[in-house]
Amino acid sequence: MAPLPLRTWLTGAPPRGQDVAGACAVVVDVLRATSTVAAALGHGAACVIPRTDVDEAFEARAELERRGEEPLLGGERGGFKVPGFDLGNSPLEYGAERVAGKSLILCTSNGTAALELCHGASRLYAASFVNAGATAAAVAKGAEPVILCCAGKEGAPSLEDVCCAGLIAASLLKVYRYEADDATTMAYLCWKYYAADVRRLLKTCNHGRHLAGLGFEEDLAFCSQVDALPVAATQRDGEKLVVVAQD
């Protein structure tokens, strides 16, 4: 059987001539959206519903409330919680005592936009260092091309996202059914360079230094924990991210 293409989008946007149709897409936004998704679902949230626009997030909450639910609204602009939201974008806010059993609407600057971009994929996952292994295992059960979509920041690559994509690629390539493009090879080599010290990576990358300057150093420690959460977050019912059922 011919190997399956394994592609990486380094900037949260597809290269010319590529799209997610017929592919399994994995969105990576280590700092912090997909780490927060993993934290929320790992701590018992019923689902995470991504939104890119703040007004749309408020509308989604109102719609769920009309159905009798009591959803939570989380996310950020400029790194800080949006006024009127219940939670920010720190994964440390999403403990079981706060999110268990709740539907969560998440709106962030970069990560949820990347999730929306990949909406048309045959399968869609949200991954970060904390759930990279579980995600790779779920992805490898399929038989379609794979796209690793690094959310980046404001249209530019983010080192931490590229490295995490490299970690997921390293796991997938062990299956011997994938053929990496050059961007994936770059991500893989980046991961090999930082694999021994992910905490150092997050403390020295541009966005990590920015978050530390805003007072979110503890988030960097959480987000650097490779495979801390054995949950794969996948899309169901057109928009909801939920935990992949275990075999």
Protein backbone atom coordinates (compact mmCIF):
# COMPACT_ATOMS: atom_id res chain seq x y z
CA MET A 1 0.00 0.00 0.00
CA ALA A 2 1.30 3.43 -0.97
CA PRO A 3 2.22 5.70 1.96
CA LEU A 4 -0.25 8.39 2.98
CA PRO A 5 0.75 12.06 2.68
CA LEU A 6 1.67 13.73 5.98
CA ARG A 7 1.69 17.50 5.55
CA THR A 8 2.30 20.37 7.96
CA TRP A 9 0.90 23.88 7.66
CA LEU A 10 3.31 26.08 9.57
CA THR A 11 1.27 29.29 9.78
CA GLY A 12 -2.35 28.27 10.32
CA ALA A 13 -3.09 28.68 6.61
CA PRO A 14 -2.92 26.18 3.74
CA PRO A 15 -0.17 26.37 1.13
CA ARG A 16 -1.40 27.07 -2.37
CA GLY A 17 -3.41 24.18 -3.77
CA GLN A 18 -3.97 22.42 -0.44
CA ASP A 19 -7.11 22.09 1.66
CA VAL A 20 -8.48 19.72 4.29
CA ALA A 21 -11.06 17.96 2.12
CA GLY A 22 -10.64 14.20 2.51
CA ALA A 23 -7.87 14.59 5.09
CA CYS A 24 -7.54 14.13 8.83
CA ALA A 25 -6.61 17.52 10.28
CA VAL A 26 -4.85 18.09 13.60
CA VAL A 27 -4.89 21.66 14.89
CA VAL A 28 -2.05 22.62 17.25
CA ASP A 29 -2.09 25.78 19.39
CA VAL A 30 0.10 24.90 22.36
CA LEU A 31 -0.14 28.39 23.94
CA ARG A 32 -2.89 27.98 24.72
CA ALA A 33 -6.14 27.06 23.00
CA THR A 34 -5.64 23.37 22.29
CA SER A 35 -3.97 22.84 25.67
CA THR A 36 -7.07 24.38 27.21
CA VAL A 37 -9.33 22.12 25.13
CA ALA A 38 -7.41 19.08 26.38
CA ALA A 39 -7.58 20.33 29.98
CA ALA A 40 -11.32 20.96 29.80
CA LEU A 41 -12.19 17.60 28.25
CA GLY A 42 -9.69 15.79 30.44
CA HIS A 43 -11.44 17.22 33.48
CA GLY A 44 -14.89 16.14 32.39
CA ALA A 45 -16.34 18.93 30.25
CA ALA A 46 -19.16 17.59 28.09
CA CYS A 47 -17.85 19.31 24.96
CA VAL A 48 -15.95 22.34 23.67
CA ILE A 49 -17.55 24.49 20.97
CA PRO A 50 -15.01 26.72 19.17
CA ARG A 51 -15.95 30.22 18.03
CA THR A 52 -13.71 32.80 16.35
CA ASP A 53 -15.77 35.93 17.00
CA VAL A 54 -16.62 37.26 20.46
CA ASP A 55 -20.17 38.24 19.49
CA GLU A 56 -20.76 34.78 18.01
CA ALA A 57 -19.53 33.25 21.26
CA PHE A 58 -22.07 35.24 23.26
CA GLU A 59 -24.79 34.22 20.79
CA ALA A 60 -23.82 30.55 21.13
CA ARG A 61 -24.07 30.79 24.91
CA ALA A 62 -27.49 32.41 24.65
CA GLU A 63 -28.71 29.66 22.32
CA LEU A 64 -27.60 26.92 24.70
CA GLU A 65 -29.22 28.73 27.60
CA ARG A 66 -32.50 28.85 25.64
CA ARG A 67 -32.24 25.04 25.42
CA GLY A 68 -32.00 24.82 29.19
CA GLU A 69 -28.22 24.35 29.46
CA GLU A 70 -25.83 26.29 31.66
CA PRO A 71 -22.77 26.58 29.41
CA LEU A 72 -19.48 28.26 30.22
CA LEU A 73 -17.91 30.88 27.96
CA GLY A 74 -14.11 30.95 27.87
CA GLY A 75 -11.33 32.53 25.89
CA GLU A 76 -9.19 35.61 25.47
CA ARG A 77 -8.22 38.66 23.56
CA GLY A 78 -4.69 39.93 24.03
CA GLY A 79 -4.05 37.04 26.40
CA PHE A 80 -6.66 38.12 28.96
CA LYS A 81 -10.22 37.00 29.65
CA VAL A 82 -12.82 38.80 27.55
CA PRO A 83 -15.19 40.97 29.64
CA GLY A 84 -18.38 39.00 30.22
CA PHE A 85 -16.72 35.61 29.75
CA ASP A 86 -16.73 33.07 32.58
CA LEU A 87 -13.14 31.93 32.03
CA GLY A 88 -9.99 33.03 30.28
CA ASN A 89 -7.68 30.90 28.16
CA SER A 90 -5.52 29.48 30.94
CA PRO A 91 -5.81 25.68 31.07
CA LEU A 92 -5.38 25.95 34.84
CA GLU A 93 -8.85 27.52 35.07
CA TYR A 94 -10.48 24.42 33.61
CA GLY A 95 -10.40 22.05 36.56
CA ALA A 96 -13.06 19.42 37.19
CA GLU A 97 -14.73 21.50 39.89
CA ARG A 98 -15.42 24.21 37.29
CA VAL A 99 -16.07 22.38 34.02
CA ALA A 100 -17.24 18.81 34.73
CA GLY A 101 -20.45 18.08 32.83
CA LYS A 102 -20.55 21.53 31.24
CA SER A 103 -20.66 22.58 27.60
CA LEU A 104 -17.89 25.08 26.98
CA ILE A 105 -17.78 27.73 24.26
CA LEU A 106 -14.18 28.74 23.54
CA CYS A 107 -13.11 31.84 21.61
CA THR A 108 -9.39 32.67 21.24
CA SER A 109 -7.19 34.82 19.03
CA ASN A 110 -5.58 32.08 16.92
CA GLY A 111 -6.49 28.53 17.92
CA THR A 112 -10.22 28.61 17.33
CA ALA A 113 -9.67 30.30 13.95
CA ALA A 114 -7.44 27.39 12.94
CA LEU A 115 -10.11 24.94 14.08
CA GLU A 116 -12.66 26.75 11.93
CA LEU A 117 -10.28 26.69 8.96
CA CYS A 118 -10.09 22.89 9.24
CA HIS A 119 -13.83 22.43 9.72
CA GLY A 120 -14.24 20.52 6.44
CA ALA A 121 -11.75 17.76 7.27
CA SER A 122 -12.90 14.15 7.29
CA ARG A 123 -11.69 14.01 10.91
CA LEU A 124 -10.56 16.92 13.06
CA TYR A 125 -8.51 16.85 16.26
CA ALA A 126 -7.23 19.48 18.68
CA ALA A 127 -3.76 18.64 19.99
CA SER A 128 -0.97 20.03 22.14
CA PHE A 129 1.97 18.60 24.03
CA VAL A 130 -0.28 17.49 26.89
CA ASN A 131 -2.30 15.12 24.68
CA ALA A 132 0.00 14.54 21.71
CA GLY A 133 0.34 10.78 22.23
CA ALA A 134 -3.38 10.12 22.56
CA THR A 135 -4.04 12.25 19.49
CA ALA A 136 -1.42 10.51 17.36
CA ALA A 137 -2.83 7.11 18.35
CA ALA A 138 -6.34 8.17 17.33
CA VAL A 139 -5.16 9.70 14.04
CA ALA A 140 -3.19 6.58 13.10
CA LYS A 141 -6.36 4.46 13.19
CA GLY A 142 -7.56 6.17 10.02
CA ALA A 143 -6.58 5.65 6.40
CA GLU A 144 -6.53 9.15 4.95
CA PRO A 145 -3.89 11.85 4.42
CA VAL A 146 -2.99 13.84 7.52
CA ILE A 147 -2.53 17.60 7.87
CA LEU A 148 -0.89 19.06 10.97
CA CYS A 149 -2.15 22.64 11.17
CA CYS A 150 -0.02 24.87 13.39
CA ALA A 151 -2.18 27.80 14.52
CA GLY A 152 0.76 30.18 14.78
CA LYS A 153 0.28 33.76 15.87
CA GLU A 154 -1.21 36.47 13.67
CA GLY A 155 -0.23 34.68 10.47
CA ALA A 156 3.34 33.88 11.51
CA PRO A 157 4.75 30.51 12.62
CA SER A 158 5.05 29.78 16.34
CA LEU A 159 8.01 27.67 17.39
CA GLU A 160 6.05 25.78 20.04
CA ASP A 161 3.32 24.76 17.59
CA VAL A 162 5.83 23.59 14.99
CA CYS A 163 7.69 21.52 17.61
CA CYS A 164 4.47 19.91 18.81
CA ALA A 165 3.53 19.08 15.22
CA GLY A 166 6.97 17.45 14.96
CA LEU A 167 6.26 15.32 18.02
CA ILE A 168 2.96 14.11 16.53
CA ALA A 169 4.68 13.48 13.20
CA ALA A 170 7.38 11.45 14.94
CA SER A 171 4.69 9.21 16.45
CA LEU A 172 2.86 8.82 13.14
CA LEU A 173 6.00 8.06 11.16
CA LYS A 174 6.67 5.08 13.41
CA VAL A 175 3.61 3.49 11.79
CA TYR A 176 5.46 3.48 8.42
CA ARG A 177 2.34 4.43 6.50
CA TYR A 178 3.07 8.13 6.04
CA GLU A 179 5.27 10.13 3.70
CA ALA A 180 6.33 13.48 5.18
CA ASP A 181 6.56 16.69 3.17
CA ASP A 182 9.40 19.16 3.76
CA ALA A 183 7.44 21.20 6.30
CA THR A 184 6.78 18.05 8.33
CA THR A 185 10.45 17.14 8.21
CA MET A 186 11.29 20.63 9.47
CA ALA A 187 8.81 20.20 12.32
CA TYR A 188 10.23 16.77 13.15
CA LEU A 189 13.79 18.11 13.32
CA CYS A 190 12.60 21.00 15.48
CA TRP A 191 11.02 18.52 17.88
CA LYS A 192 14.19 16.43 18.03
CA TYR A 193 16.14 19.54 19.02
CA TYR A 194 13.81 20.47 21.91
CA ALA A 195 12.56 17.02 22.94
CA ALA A 196 14.75 16.84 26.03
CA ASP A 197 13.47 20.13 27.48
CA VAL A 198 10.01 21.26 26.39
CA ARG A 199 9.83 23.60 29.38
CA ARG A 200 12.86 25.48 28.04
CA LEU A 201 11.20 25.69 24.64
CA LEU A 202 8.07 27.30 26.07
CA LYS A 203 10.05 29.70 28.26
CA THR A 204 12.20 30.94 25.37
CA CYS A 205 9.78 31.03 22.41
CA ASN A 206 8.29 34.42 21.58
CA HIS A 207 4.75 33.68 22.71
CA GLY A 208 5.95 31.95 25.86
CA ARG A 209 7.97 35.02 26.86
CA HIS A 210 4.96 37.19 26.09
CA LEU A 211 2.67 35.10 28.31
CA ALA A 212 5.24 35.06 31.11
CA GLY A 213 5.34 38.84 30.92
CA LEU A 214 1.55 38.87 31.38
CA GLY A 215 1.85 36.72 34.50
CA PHE A 216 1.03 33.31 33.01
CA GLU A 217 4.26 31.47 33.83
CA GLU A 218 2.33 28.61 35.46
CA ASP A 219 0.55 28.03 32.15
CA LEU A 220 3.92 27.38 30.52
CA ALA A 221 4.64 24.67 33.08
CA PHE A 222 1.28 23.00 32.43
CA CYS A 223 1.54 23.21 28.65
CA SER A 224 5.03 21.68 28.64
CA GLN A 225 3.87 18.34 30.13
CA VAL A 226 4.11 15.85 27.29
CA ASP A 227 1.27 13.29 27.35
CA ALA A 228 -0.03 14.48 30.73
CA LEU A 229 -3.64 13.97 29.58
CA PRO A 230 -4.63 10.70 27.84
CA VAL A 231 -7.46 12.33 25.87
CA ALA A 232 -7.87 12.84 22.14
CA ALA A 233 -10.22 15.71 21.32
CA THR A 234 -12.16 15.23 18.08
CA GLN A 235 -15.00 17.00 16.33
CA ARG A 236 -18.53 15.59 16.49
CA ASP A 237 -21.90 16.86 15.25
CA GLY A 238 -20.30 19.41 12.98
CA GLU A 239 -18.72 21.64 15.61
CA LYS A 240 -18.36 20.13 19.08
CA LEU A 241 -15.02 18.85 20.30
CA VAL A 242 -15.41 15.78 22.49
CA VAL A 243 -13.19 13.03 23.88
CA VAL A 244 -12.54 10.13 21.52
CA ALA A 245 -14.14 6.98 22.88
CA GLN A 246 -11.57 4.42 23.96
CA ASP A 247 -11.63 0.96 22.32
